Amino acid sequence: MLQFYFLSIILNALAGYLLFFGESGTLELGSRLSSGNETFKLVLGVLSALTGFFKLLSPIEGEVPVIGDLVPALTGFLCGFILIFEYYRNRSSIEGSDHTQKISRILVGNKKIIGAAAFIAAVLHFLFPRVLLL
């Protein structure tokens, strides 16, 4: 569906940008988005994860199901998961378990790489809509 194609591009670009530049504040938009608007991060995370999931189920017409949109769907899902995980980790007063610390170390520790991958996937998905795996 073209709606999920459009949402995937927009949300991957925005979530990727936020994960890559959000904490450093090097760019004005990134510092504005990360400077206390936690609700925006949560909503963006939920929308990115849902769009990533539904992107796997509804490829663009003529593409191979699941494989055709694999990279944008996975990056959207990962970005969404990281944003949701950070939101709840920052709000929780309970110390996390070993699993929570592993997730934090692996995903949140590499959020700049995942954010860059999501932004690149969004740009490539926009420029080359019918390429397999993009």
Foldseek 3Di string as FASTA:
>chain_A
DVVLLVLLLVLLQVLLCLLQQQPVCPDVVSVVCNVPPLVVLLVSLVSLLVSLVVCQVDPDPPADRNQQAVQSSVLSNLSSVLSNLVSVVVVDPDDDDPVNVVCCCPRVVCSNVSSVSSNVSSVCCVVPVRDGND
